[in-house]
Amino acid sequence: MRTLLILVSGTLSAAPASILPARTPYLFEPNRGQTGPQVLYWAHSGQSGLWLTQSGIALATGGAVLEMHFPGSRRRPAIEGENPTGGVSNYFAGSDTSQWRTHIPQFSRVRYSDLYPGIDLVFYGQPSDLEYDWVVSPGADPRAIRMAFRGASRIAIGKDGDLVLTAGNVEFRHHQPRVRITMRSPAASRAMAMRFASKSTITTQPAP
């Protein structure tokens, strides 16, 4: 079986310089009452927070919040943590022990299964970076993928192919995606180009 991976690496840079980059990778936790009820998983790294819901994600840093949604996608995709780290999180708020949340497992990845027909979306992170892969099964059409953004005052595709979104004083940058066919030896890789489907919605296609 041949699996096609569209690899989209999102790198967050921030201004002003007082907003320091994170030094630890994102670790994802299932929501067991430590955040809002609509959130299924959340993660934090340094001064950045990430909330994953069935309708999309929200990334916050430096007082700015950027939302990413997936037009035309499955309404209620299965969302599961992957690659447990063995670590746990504990929250002790106040003296009421019924409000404490303990032994919450940590995962290094979270997968949205079949977000589009035959296409999964996997989030993971490195220090300072939130990365995500579109995993496209044989026969599925990567042209179905749509990424819509809210909260940005400016959205532009740079000459280097990166997607740059500005929210307040924070710049969110998504590197130009690459497509890789994993069952070839060596794996074939080529650049993908991002295109505007509308003012705030992005699609990908092979770069010229």
N, C-alpha and C. Protein backbone atom coordinates (compact mmCIF):
# COMPACT_ATOMS: atom_id res chain seq x y z
N MET A 1 0.86 -1.19 0.00
CA MET A 1 0.00 0.00 0.00
C MET A 1 0.89 1.23 0.00
N ARG A 2 0.52 2.24 -0.79
CA ARG A 2 1.28 3.47 -0.87
C ARG A 2 0.55 4.57 -0.12
N THR A 3 1.22 5.21 0.80
CA THR A 3 0.62 6.29 1.57
C THR A 3 1.29 7.60 1.20
N LEU A 4 0.48 8.60 0.91
CA LEU A 4 0.98 9.91 0.52
C LEU A 4 0.90 10.85 1.71
N LEU A 5 2.02 11.47 2.06
CA LEU A 5 2.05 12.41 3.17
C LEU A 5 2.25 13.82 2.64
N ILE A 6 1.34 14.70 2.96
CA ILE A 6 1.57 16.12 2.71
C ILE A 6 2.05 16.70 4.04
N LEU A 7 3.31 17.08 4.10
CA LEU A 7 3.92 17.52 5.33
C LEU A 7 3.90 19.04 5.40
N VAL A 8 3.19 19.59 6.35
CA VAL A 8 3.12 21.03 6.52
C VAL A 8 3.71 21.37 7.87
N SER A 9 4.85 22.04 7.85
CA SER A 9 5.54 22.39 9.08
C SER A 9 5.22 23.83 9.44
N GLY A 10 4.55 24.03 10.55
CA GLY A 10 4.20 25.37 10.99
C GLY A 10 5.17 25.87 12.04
N THR A 11 5.79 27.01 11.79
CA THR A 11 6.74 27.58 12.72
C THR A 11 6.21 28.90 13.25
N LEU A 12 6.19 29.05 14.54
CA LEU A 12 5.69 30.26 15.17
C LEU A 12 6.84 31.18 15.53
N SER A 13 6.82 32.40 15.01
CA SER A 13 7.74 33.44 15.47
C SER A 13 6.90 34.58 16.01
N ALA A 14 7.44 35.33 16.96
CA ALA A 14 6.63 36.33 17.65
C ALA A 14 7.38 37.63 17.81
N ALA A 15 6.63 38.73 17.84
CA ALA A 15 7.17 40.05 18.11
C ALA A 15 6.20 40.73 19.07
N PRO A 16 6.64 41.53 20.02
CA PRO A 16 8.01 42.00 20.16
C PRO A 16 8.94 40.93 20.71
N ALA A 17 10.23 41.26 20.78
CA ALA A 17 11.24 40.28 21.17
C ALA A 17 11.06 39.78 22.59
N SER A 18 10.27 40.48 23.40
CA SER A 18 10.07 40.05 24.79
C SER A 18 9.26 38.77 24.86
N ILE A 19 8.57 38.41 23.77
CA ILE A 19 7.85 37.14 23.72
C ILE A 19 8.85 36.08 23.31
N LEU A 20 9.28 35.29 24.26
CA LEU A 20 10.37 34.34 24.01
C LEU A 20 9.84 33.06 23.40
N PRO A 21 10.60 32.43 22.51
CA PRO A 21 10.17 31.14 21.96
C PRO A 21 10.16 30.07 23.04
N ALA A 22 9.31 29.08 22.85
CA ALA A 22 9.24 27.97 23.79
C ALA A 22 10.51 27.14 23.73
N ARG A 23 10.85 26.52 24.85
CA ARG A 23 12.04 25.69 24.91
C ARG A 23 11.71 24.22 25.03
N THR A 24 10.45 23.88 25.18
CA THR A 24 10.04 22.49 25.31
C THR A 24 8.99 22.20 24.25
N PRO A 25 8.91 20.96 23.76
CA PRO A 25 7.91 20.63 22.74
C PRO A 25 6.51 20.60 23.34
N TYR A 26 5.51 20.72 22.48
CA TYR A 26 4.13 20.60 22.91
C TYR A 26 3.87 19.18 23.39
N LEU A 27 3.19 19.06 24.53
CA LEU A 27 2.70 17.79 25.03
C LEU A 27 1.19 17.90 25.14
N PHE A 28 0.49 16.95 24.55
CA PHE A 28 -0.97 17.03 24.44
C PHE A 28 -1.63 16.24 25.57
N GLU A 29 -2.68 16.83 26.15
CA GLU A 29 -3.43 16.20 27.23
C GLU A 29 -4.90 16.11 26.85
N PRO A 30 -5.57 14.97 27.14
CA PRO A 30 -7.02 14.95 26.98
C PRO A 30 -7.65 15.89 28.01
N ASN A 31 -8.74 16.52 27.63
CA ASN A 31 -9.42 17.44 28.53
C ASN A 31 -10.26 16.66 29.53
N ARG A 32 -9.89 16.76 30.77
CA ARG A 32 -10.66 16.13 31.85
C ARG A 32 -11.15 17.18 32.84
N GLY A 33 -11.49 18.34 32.30
CA GLY A 33 -12.03 19.41 33.12
C GLY A 33 -11.05 20.52 33.42
N GLN A 34 -9.82 20.43 32.88
CA GLN A 34 -8.83 21.46 33.15
C GLN A 34 -8.96 22.65 32.21
N THR A 35 -9.87 22.55 31.22
CA THR A 35 -10.14 23.67 30.31
C THR A 35 -11.58 23.57 29.85
N GLY A 36 -12.00 24.41 28.88
CA GLY A 36 -13.40 24.49 28.47
C GLY A 36 -13.95 23.19 27.93
N PRO A 37 -15.26 22.97 28.06
CA PRO A 37 -15.86 21.67 27.71
C PRO A 37 -15.80 21.35 26.23
N GLN A 38 -15.68 22.36 25.35
CA GLN A 38 -15.63 22.09 23.92
C GLN A 38 -14.27 21.57 23.48
N VAL A 39 -13.28 21.67 24.35
CA VAL A 39 -11.91 21.26 24.03
C VAL A 39 -11.74 19.77 24.29
N LEU A 40 -11.17 19.05 23.31
CA LEU A 40 -10.93 17.62 23.49
C LEU A 40 -9.50 17.35 23.94
N TYR A 41 -8.55 18.09 23.38
CA TYR A 41 -7.15 18.00 23.80
C TYR A 41 -6.60 19.42 23.87
N TRP A 42 -5.61 19.59 24.74
CA TRP A 42 -4.94 20.88 24.76
C TRP A 42 -3.47 20.66 25.07
N ALA A 43 -2.67 21.68 24.76
CA ALA A 43 -1.23 21.59 24.96
C ALA A 43 -0.71 22.99 25.24
N HIS A 44 0.45 23.05 25.88
CA HIS A 44 1.09 24.34 26.11
C HIS A 44 2.60 24.15 26.07
N SER A 45 3.28 25.18 25.65
CA SER A 45 4.74 25.16 25.56
C SER A 45 5.22 26.59 25.74
N GLY A 46 5.95 26.82 26.84
CA GLY A 46 6.38 28.19 27.13
C GLY A 46 5.17 29.08 27.33
N GLN A 47 5.10 30.19 26.57
CA GLN A 47 3.99 31.12 26.67
C GLN A 47 2.89 30.85 25.65
N SER A 48 2.94 29.71 24.98
CA SER A 48 1.96 29.39 23.95
C SER A 48 1.01 28.31 24.45
N GLY A 49 -0.26 28.42 24.04
CA GLY A 49 -1.27 27.43 24.36
C GLY A 49 -1.98 26.98 23.11
N LEU A 50 -2.41 25.73 23.08
CA LEU A 50 -3.07 25.17 21.91
C LEU A 50 -4.29 24.39 22.37
N TRP A 51 -5.44 24.68 21.75
CA TRP A 51 -6.68 24.00 22.09
C TRP A 51 -7.22 23.31 20.84
N LEU A 52 -7.54 22.02 20.96
CA LEU A 52 -8.03 21.24 19.82
C LEU A 52 -9.48 20.84 20.08
N THR A 53 -10.36 21.22 19.17
CA THR A 53 -11.77 20.89 19.24
C THR A 53 -12.16 20.14 17.98
N GLN A 54 -13.40 19.68 17.91
CA GLN A 54 -13.84 18.98 16.71
C GLN A 54 -14.01 19.91 15.53
N SER A 55 -14.11 21.20 15.77
CA SER A 55 -14.30 22.15 14.67
C SER A 55 -13.00 22.81 14.22
N GLY A 56 -11.89 22.57 14.96
CA GLY A 56 -10.62 23.18 14.57
C GLY A 56 -9.71 23.37 15.77
N ILE A 57 -8.71 24.24 15.62
CA ILE A 57 -7.76 24.48 16.69
C ILE A 57 -7.66 25.98 16.95
N ALA A 58 -7.17 26.32 18.13
CA ALA A 58 -6.86 27.71 18.48
C ALA A 58 -5.48 27.73 19.10
N LEU A 59 -4.63 28.61 18.59
CA LEU A 59 -3.26 28.77 19.08
C LEU A 59 -3.12 30.17 19.63
N ALA A 60 -2.66 30.27 20.89
CA ALA A 60 -2.56 31.57 21.55
C ALA A 60 -1.13 31.80 22.02
N THR A 61 -0.66 33.02 21.82
CA THR A 61 0.65 33.42 22.33
C THR A 61 0.73 34.94 22.32
N GLY A 62 1.40 35.52 23.28
CA GLY A 62 1.63 36.95 23.29
C GLY A 62 0.37 37.79 23.24
N GLY A 63 -0.73 37.28 23.78
CA GLY A 63 -1.99 38.01 23.78
C GLY A 63 -2.78 37.90 22.48
N ALA A 64 -2.25 37.16 21.50
CA ALA A 64 -2.94 36.97 20.22
C ALA A 64 -3.45 35.54 20.13
N VAL A 65 -4.60 35.37 19.46
CA VAL A 65 -5.20 34.05 19.27
C VAL A 65 -5.47 33.87 17.78
N LEU A 66 -4.99 32.77 17.23
CA LEU A 66 -5.23 32.42 15.83
C LEU A 66 -6.00 31.11 15.80
N GLU A 67 -7.13 31.11 15.10
CA GLU A 67 -7.92 29.89 14.93
C GLU A 67 -7.73 29.33 13.53
N MET A 68 -7.70 28.01 13.44
CA MET A 68 -7.62 27.33 12.15
C MET A 68 -8.75 26.32 12.06
N HIS A 69 -9.55 26.42 10.99
CA HIS A 69 -10.67 25.52 10.78
C HIS A 69 -10.52 24.85 9.41
N PHE A 70 -11.38 23.86 9.17
CA PHE A 70 -11.22 23.02 7.99
C PHE A 70 -12.55 22.94 7.23
N PRO A 71 -12.82 23.92 6.36
CA PRO A 71 -14.09 23.95 5.64
C PRO A 71 -14.34 22.66 4.86
N GLY A 72 -15.59 22.19 4.93
CA GLY A 72 -15.97 21.00 4.18
C GLY A 72 -15.54 19.70 4.81
N SER A 73 -14.94 19.76 6.00
CA SER A 73 -14.45 18.54 6.64
C SER A 73 -15.58 17.84 7.40
N ARG A 74 -15.26 16.64 7.87
CA ARG A 74 -16.18 15.86 8.68
C ARG A 74 -16.50 16.63 9.96
N ARG A 75 -17.78 16.65 10.35
CA ARG A 75 -18.20 17.45 11.49
C ARG A 75 -17.69 16.92 12.83
N ARG A 76 -17.70 15.62 13.00
CA ARG A 76 -17.32 15.03 14.27
C ARG A 76 -16.24 13.96 14.06
N PRO A 77 -15.05 14.36 13.71
CA PRO A 77 -13.98 13.37 13.50
C PRO A 77 -13.53 12.76 14.82
N ALA A 78 -13.05 11.54 14.77
CA ALA A 78 -12.43 10.93 15.95
C ALA A 78 -11.10 11.61 16.20
N ILE A 79 -10.84 12.00 17.44
CA ILE A 79 -9.61 12.69 17.81
C ILE A 79 -8.98 11.91 18.96
N GLU A 80 -7.75 11.43 18.74
CA GLU A 80 -7.09 10.58 19.72
C GLU A 80 -5.64 10.97 19.90
N GLY A 81 -5.15 10.86 21.14
CA GLY A 81 -3.74 11.06 21.42
C GLY A 81 -2.94 9.86 20.97
N GLU A 82 -1.71 10.10 20.51
CA GLU A 82 -0.81 9.05 20.07
C GLU A 82 0.56 9.24 20.71
N ASN A 83 1.32 8.16 20.76
CA ASN A 83 2.68 8.18 21.32
C ASN A 83 2.69 8.72 22.76
N PRO A 84 2.12 7.98 23.69
CA PRO A 84 2.16 8.43 25.09
C PRO A 84 3.59 8.59 25.57
N THR A 85 3.83 9.66 26.29
CA THR A 85 5.19 9.95 26.76
C THR A 85 5.52 9.23 28.06
N GLY A 86 4.51 8.75 28.76
CA GLY A 86 4.72 8.18 30.10
C GLY A 86 4.58 9.21 31.19
N GLY A 87 4.53 10.50 30.83
CA GLY A 87 4.35 11.56 31.80
C GLY A 87 2.88 11.83 32.06
N VAL A 88 2.60 12.52 33.17
CA VAL A 88 1.24 12.89 33.52
C VAL A 88 1.23 14.35 33.98
N SER A 89 0.04 14.95 33.92
CA SER A 89 -0.16 16.31 34.42
C SER A 89 -1.11 16.27 35.60
N ASN A 90 -0.89 17.16 36.57
CA ASN A 90 -1.74 17.26 37.75
C ASN A 90 -2.11 18.72 37.96
N TYR A 91 -3.38 18.97 38.30
CA TYR A 91 -3.86 20.33 38.54
C TYR A 91 -4.54 20.37 39.90
N PHE A 92 -4.00 21.19 40.79
CA PHE A 92 -4.55 21.32 42.14
C PHE A 92 -4.99 22.77 42.31
N ALA A 93 -6.26 23.03 42.05
CA ALA A 93 -6.80 24.39 42.12
C ALA A 93 -7.70 24.50 43.35
N GLY A 94 -7.30 25.34 44.31
CA GLY A 94 -8.10 25.54 45.50
C GLY A 94 -8.04 24.38 46.47
N SER A 95 -8.89 24.44 47.46
CA SER A 95 -8.90 23.42 48.51
C SER A 95 -9.95 22.33 48.29
N ASP A 96 -10.81 22.50 47.29
CA ASP A 96 -11.85 21.51 46.98
C ASP A 96 -11.24 20.40 46.15
N THR A 97 -11.04 19.26 46.77
CA THR A 97 -10.35 18.17 46.08
C THR A 97 -11.16 17.62 44.90
N SER A 98 -12.48 17.87 44.87
CA SER A 98 -13.29 17.38 43.75
C SER A 98 -12.97 18.15 42.47
N GLN A 99 -12.32 19.30 42.60
CA GLN A 99 -11.95 20.10 41.44
C GLN A 99 -10.52 19.82 40.98
N TRP A 100 -9.81 19.00 41.70
CA TRP A 100 -8.45 18.66 41.29
C TRP A 100 -8.51 17.68 40.12
N ARG A 101 -7.52 17.78 39.26
CA ARG A 101 -7.40 16.86 38.12
C ARG A 101 -6.00 16.27 38.16
N THR A 102 -5.94 14.96 38.27
CA THR A 102 -4.63 14.31 38.47
C THR A 102 -4.44 13.16 37.49
N HIS A 103 -3.19 12.81 37.30
CA HIS A 103 -2.79 11.66 36.48
C HIS A 103 -3.38 11.74 35.06
N ILE A 104 -3.33 12.92 34.48
CA ILE A 104 -3.79 13.11 33.10
C ILE A 104 -2.65 12.73 32.16
N PRO A 105 -2.83 11.74 31.30
CA PRO A 105 -1.71 11.27 30.47
C PRO A 105 -1.29 12.32 29.43
N GLN A 106 -0.03 12.29 29.07
CA GLN A 106 0.52 13.19 28.07
C GLN A 106 0.88 12.40 26.81
N PHE A 107 0.62 13.02 25.66
CA PHE A 107 0.91 12.41 24.37
C PHE A 107 1.75 13.38 23.54
N SER A 108 2.58 12.84 22.65
CA SER A 108 3.39 13.71 21.81
C SER A 108 2.70 14.04 20.49
N ARG A 109 1.60 13.36 20.19
CA ARG A 109 0.88 13.60 18.94
C ARG A 109 -0.61 13.45 19.17
N VAL A 110 -1.39 14.13 18.33
CA VAL A 110 -2.85 13.97 18.32
C VAL A 110 -3.30 13.82 16.86
N ARG A 111 -4.17 12.85 16.62
CA ARG A 111 -4.63 12.56 15.26
C ARG A 111 -6.13 12.84 15.12
N TYR A 112 -6.49 13.61 14.08
CA TYR A 112 -7.87 13.75 13.61
C TYR A 112 -8.04 12.70 12.51
N SER A 113 -8.82 11.65 12.76
CA SER A 113 -8.97 10.57 11.80
C SER A 113 -10.07 10.88 10.78
N ASP A 114 -9.74 10.66 9.50
CA ASP A 114 -10.71 10.82 8.41
C ASP A 114 -11.36 12.20 8.45
N LEU A 115 -10.55 13.21 8.64
CA LEU A 115 -11.08 14.58 8.69
C LEU A 115 -11.72 14.94 7.35
N TYR A 116 -11.02 14.60 6.28
CA TYR A 116 -11.60 14.56 4.94
C TYR A 116 -11.58 13.10 4.50
N PRO A 117 -12.39 12.71 3.52
CA PRO A 117 -12.42 11.28 3.15
C PRO A 117 -11.03 10.74 2.83
N GLY A 118 -10.59 9.76 3.62
CA GLY A 118 -9.29 9.14 3.41
C GLY A 118 -8.10 10.00 3.84
N ILE A 119 -8.35 11.07 4.58
CA ILE A 119 -7.27 11.99 4.95
C ILE A 119 -7.31 12.24 6.46
N ASP A 120 -6.19 11.94 7.13
CA ASP A 120 -6.03 12.24 8.55
C ASP A 120 -5.18 13.49 8.72
N LEU A 121 -5.32 14.12 9.87
CA LEU A 121 -4.51 15.27 10.24
C LEU A 121 -3.84 14.98 11.58
N VAL A 122 -2.51 15.06 11.63
CA VAL A 122 -1.76 14.73 12.84
C VAL A 122 -0.98 15.95 13.29
N PHE A 123 -1.17 16.33 14.55
CA PHE A 123 -0.44 17.45 15.16
C PHE A 123 0.65 16.91 16.08
N TYR A 124 1.79 17.56 16.05
CA TYR A 124 2.88 17.26 16.98
C TYR A 124 3.73 18.51 17.09
N GLY A 125 4.75 18.50 17.94
CA GLY A 125 5.49 19.73 18.13
C GLY A 125 6.95 19.52 18.45
N GLN A 126 7.73 20.54 18.12
CA GLN A 126 9.12 20.66 18.51
C GLN A 126 9.24 21.95 19.32
N PRO A 127 10.36 22.17 20.02
CA PRO A 127 10.52 23.45 20.70
C PRO A 127 10.33 24.61 19.73
N SER A 128 9.42 25.52 20.08
CA SER A 128 9.08 26.71 19.31
C SER A 128 8.19 26.43 18.11
N ASP A 129 8.00 25.17 17.73
CA ASP A 129 7.26 24.86 16.52
C ASP A 129 6.06 23.97 16.81
N LEU A 130 4.95 24.28 16.18
CA LEU A 130 3.83 23.35 16.09
C LEU A 130 3.81 22.83 14.66
N GLU A 131 3.84 21.52 14.50
CA GLU A 131 3.88 20.94 13.17
C GLU A 131 2.67 20.04 12.98
N TYR A 132 2.31 19.85 11.71
CA TYR A 132 1.18 18.96 11.43
C TYR A 132 1.35 18.34 10.07
N ASP A 133 0.91 17.09 9.95
CA ASP A 133 0.99 16.33 8.71
C ASP A 133 -0.42 15.98 8.25
N TRP A 134 -0.66 16.17 6.96
CA TRP A 134 -1.84 15.60 6.34
C TRP A 134 -1.44 14.22 5.80
N VAL A 135 -2.13 13.18 6.23
CA VAL A 135 -1.83 11.81 5.81
C VAL A 135 -2.92 11.38 4.83
N VAL A 136 -2.54 11.27 3.57
CA VAL A 136 -3.50 11.04 2.49
C VAL A 136 -3.40 9.59 2.04
N SER A 137 -4.47 8.83 2.22
CA SER A 137 -4.48 7.41 1.85
C SER A 137 -4.61 7.27 0.33
N PRO A 138 -4.19 6.11 -0.20
CA PRO A 138 -4.34 5.88 -1.64
C PRO A 138 -5.79 6.07 -2.08
N GLY A 139 -5.97 6.81 -3.17
CA GLY A 139 -7.31 7.05 -3.71
C GLY A 139 -7.97 8.30 -3.17
N ALA A 140 -7.47 8.86 -2.07
CA ALA A 140 -8.03 10.09 -1.53
C ALA A 140 -7.49 11.30 -2.30
N ASP A 141 -8.23 12.38 -2.28
CA ASP A 141 -7.88 13.56 -3.07
C ASP A 141 -7.39 14.68 -2.15
N PRO A 142 -6.09 14.99 -2.16
CA PRO A 142 -5.58 16.04 -1.29
C PRO A 142 -6.12 17.42 -1.64
N ARG A 143 -6.73 17.58 -2.81
CA ARG A 143 -7.31 18.87 -3.17
C ARG A 143 -8.53 19.20 -2.31
N ALA A 144 -9.04 18.21 -1.57
CA ALA A 144 -10.17 18.47 -0.66
C ALA A 144 -9.76 19.30 0.55
N ILE A 145 -8.48 19.32 0.86
CA ILE A 145 -8.00 19.97 2.08
C ILE A 145 -8.19 21.49 1.98
N ARG A 146 -8.78 22.05 3.02
CA ARG A 146 -8.95 23.48 3.16
C ARG A 146 -8.53 23.90 4.56
N MET A 147 -7.83 25.01 4.67
CA MET A 147 -7.46 25.57 5.97
C MET A 147 -7.93 27.01 6.00
N ALA A 148 -8.86 27.33 6.91
CA ALA A 148 -9.40 28.67 7.05
C ALA A 148 -8.95 29.26 8.38
N PHE A 149 -8.64 30.54 8.39
CA PHE A 149 -8.05 31.18 9.57
C PHE A 149 -8.93 32.32 10.06
N ARG A 150 -9.00 32.45 11.38
CA ARG A 150 -9.70 33.56 12.03
C ARG A 150 -8.76 34.20 13.05
N GLY A 151 -8.89 35.49 13.19
CA GLY A 151 -8.09 36.20 14.18
C GLY A 151 -6.90 36.94 13.61
N ALA A 152 -6.60 36.72 12.33
CA ALA A 152 -5.46 37.37 11.71
C ALA A 152 -5.91 38.66 11.02
N SER A 153 -5.16 39.72 11.23
CA SER A 153 -5.45 40.98 10.55
C SER A 153 -4.85 41.01 9.16
N ARG A 154 -3.88 40.15 8.92
CA ARG A 154 -3.23 40.09 7.61
C ARG A 154 -2.81 38.66 7.32
N ILE A 155 -3.08 38.19 6.10
CA ILE A 155 -2.67 36.87 5.65
C ILE A 155 -1.99 37.03 4.30
N ALA A 156 -0.80 36.50 4.16
CA ALA A 156 -0.06 36.64 2.91
C ALA A 156 0.79 35.41 2.67
N ILE A 157 1.05 35.11 1.40
CA ILE A 157 1.98 34.06 1.01
C ILE A 157 3.23 34.73 0.50
N GLY A 158 4.36 34.49 1.18
CA GLY A 158 5.61 35.14 0.85
C GLY A 158 6.25 34.56 -0.40
N LYS A 159 7.29 35.25 -0.88
CA LYS A 159 8.01 34.79 -2.06
C LYS A 159 8.67 33.43 -1.84
N ASP A 160 8.95 33.11 -0.56
CA ASP A 160 9.55 31.81 -0.24
C ASP A 160 8.52 30.70 -0.14
N GLY A 161 7.23 31.03 -0.36
CA GLY A 161 6.17 30.04 -0.30
C GLY A 161 5.58 29.85 1.08
N ASP A 162 6.10 30.55 2.09
CA ASP A 162 5.56 30.44 3.44
C ASP A 162 4.26 31.23 3.55
N LEU A 163 3.37 30.73 4.39
CA LEU A 163 2.15 31.44 4.72
C LEU A 163 2.40 32.24 5.99
N VAL A 164 2.17 33.56 5.94
CA VAL A 164 2.45 34.45 7.06
C VAL A 164 1.15 35.09 7.51
N LEU A 165 0.82 34.91 8.79
CA LEU A 165 -0.41 35.46 9.36
C LEU A 165 -0.04 36.37 10.52
N THR A 166 -0.60 37.57 10.53
CA THR A 166 -0.30 38.54 11.58
C THR A 166 -1.54 38.75 12.44
N ALA A 167 -1.37 38.60 13.75
CA ALA A 167 -2.44 38.84 14.71
C ALA A 167 -1.87 39.68 15.84
N GLY A 168 -2.31 40.93 15.97
CA GLY A 168 -1.71 41.82 16.95
C GLY A 168 -0.24 42.03 16.63
N ASN A 169 0.60 41.82 17.64
CA ASN A 169 2.04 41.95 17.45
C ASN A 169 2.72 40.61 17.19
N VAL A 170 1.93 39.58 16.91
CA VAL A 170 2.47 38.25 16.75
C VAL A 170 2.39 37.82 15.29
N GLU A 171 3.46 37.25 14.80
CA GLU A 171 3.50 36.70 13.44
C GLU A 171 3.51 35.19 13.52
N PHE A 172 2.53 34.57 12.89
CA PHE A 172 2.46 33.11 12.78
C PHE A 172 2.93 32.75 11.37
N ARG A 173 3.89 31.85 11.28
CA ARG A 173 4.44 31.49 9.98
C ARG A 173 4.35 29.98 9.77
N HIS A 174 3.78 29.60 8.63
CA HIS A 174 3.70 28.20 8.23
C HIS A 174 4.63 28.00 7.04
N HIS A 175 5.62 27.14 7.20
CA HIS A 175 6.55 26.91 6.11
C HIS A 175 5.84 26.29 4.91
N GLN A 176 6.41 26.52 3.75
CA GLN A 176 5.88 25.92 2.53
C GLN A 176 5.80 24.41 2.70
N PRO A 177 4.64 23.82 2.43
CA PRO A 177 4.50 22.37 2.62
C PRO A 177 5.26 21.58 1.57
N ARG A 178 5.53 20.32 1.92
CA ARG A 178 6.14 19.39 0.98
C ARG A 178 5.31 18.12 0.94
N VAL A 179 5.30 17.48 -0.21
CA VAL A 179 4.59 16.21 -0.37
C VAL A 179 5.64 15.11 -0.49
N ARG A 180 5.37 13.99 0.16
CA ARG A 180 6.32 12.87 0.15
C ARG A 180 5.56 11.56 0.01
N ILE A 181 5.96 10.72 -0.93
CA ILE A 181 5.38 9.39 -1.10
C ILE A 181 6.26 8.42 -0.34
N THR A 182 5.73 7.82 0.73
CA THR A 182 6.56 7.10 1.69
C THR A 182 6.97 5.71 1.22
N MET A 183 6.24 5.12 0.28
CA MET A 183 6.53 3.73 -0.09
C MET A 183 7.47 3.63 -1.29
N ARG A 184 8.11 4.73 -1.63
CA ARG A 184 9.15 4.68 -2.65
C ARG A 184 10.51 4.67 -1.98
N SER A 185 11.48 4.13 -2.63
CA SER A 185 12.83 4.08 -2.06
C SER A 185 13.82 4.63 -3.09
N PRO A 186 14.44 5.80 -2.83
CA PRO A 186 14.17 6.66 -1.67
C PRO A 186 12.83 7.37 -1.81
N ALA A 187 12.32 7.88 -0.71
CA ALA A 187 11.03 8.56 -0.73
C ALA A 187 11.11 9.79 -1.64
N ALA A 188 10.11 9.93 -2.51
CA ALA A 188 10.06 11.09 -3.40
C ALA A 188 9.51 12.28 -2.63
N SER A 189 10.10 13.45 -2.86
CA SER A 189 9.68 14.64 -2.14
C SER A 189 9.68 15.82 -3.10
N ARG A 190 8.67 16.66 -2.99
CA ARG A 190 8.63 17.88 -3.79
C ARG A 190 7.84 18.94 -3.05
N ALA A 191 8.06 20.19 -3.44
CA ALA A 191 7.38 21.31 -2.79
C ALA A 191 5.93 21.37 -3.22
N MET A 192 5.10 21.86 -2.30
CA MET A 192 3.71 22.17 -2.60
C MET A 192 3.55 23.69 -2.50
N ALA A 193 2.64 24.23 -3.28
CA ALA A 193 2.36 25.66 -3.23
C ALA A 193 1.03 25.88 -2.53
N MET A 194 0.97 26.92 -1.68
CA MET A 194 -0.28 27.30 -1.06
C MET A 194 -0.96 28.36 -1.91
N ARG A 195 -2.28 28.23 -2.02
CA ARG A 195 -3.08 29.15 -2.82
C ARG A 195 -4.28 29.62 -2.02
N PHE A 196 -4.74 30.83 -2.30
CA PHE A 196 -5.94 31.35 -1.66
C PHE A 196 -7.18 30.81 -2.37
N ALA A 197 -8.05 30.10 -1.63
CA ALA A 197 -9.35 29.72 -2.15
C ALA A 197 -10.36 30.83 -1.90
N SER A 198 -10.12 31.61 -0.86
CA SER A 198 -10.89 32.82 -0.55
C SER A 198 -9.97 33.71 0.26
N LYS A 199 -10.51 34.80 0.79
CA LYS A 199 -9.70 35.77 1.51
C LYS A 199 -8.97 35.16 2.69
N SER A 200 -9.58 34.18 3.35
CA SER A 200 -8.97 33.61 4.56
C SER A 200 -8.83 32.11 4.50
N THR A 201 -9.01 31.49 3.33
CA THR A 201 -8.95 30.04 3.19
C THR A 201 -7.83 29.65 2.23
N ILE A 202 -7.05 28.64 2.64
CA ILE A 202 -5.86 28.22 1.91
C ILE A 202 -6.04 26.79 1.40
N THR A 203 -5.58 26.53 0.18
CA THR A 203 -5.49 25.18 -0.35
C THR A 203 -4.03 24.92 -0.73
N THR A 204 -3.71 23.66 -1.04
CA THR A 204 -2.36 23.33 -1.49
C THR A 204 -2.44 22.61 -2.82
N GLN A 205 -1.39 22.75 -3.61
CA GLN A 205 -1.27 22.06 -4.88
C GLN A 205 0.19 21.95 -5.23
N PRO A 206 0.58 21.03 -6.12
CA PRO A 206 2.00 20.90 -6.47
C PRO A 206 2.56 22.22 -6.97
N ALA A 207 3.76 22.54 -6.52
CA ALA A 207 4.40 23.77 -6.96
C ALA A 207 4.83 23.64 -8.41
N PRO A 208 4.79 24.74 -9.16
CA PRO A 208 5.21 24.68 -10.56
C PRO A 208 6.71 24.40 -10.69
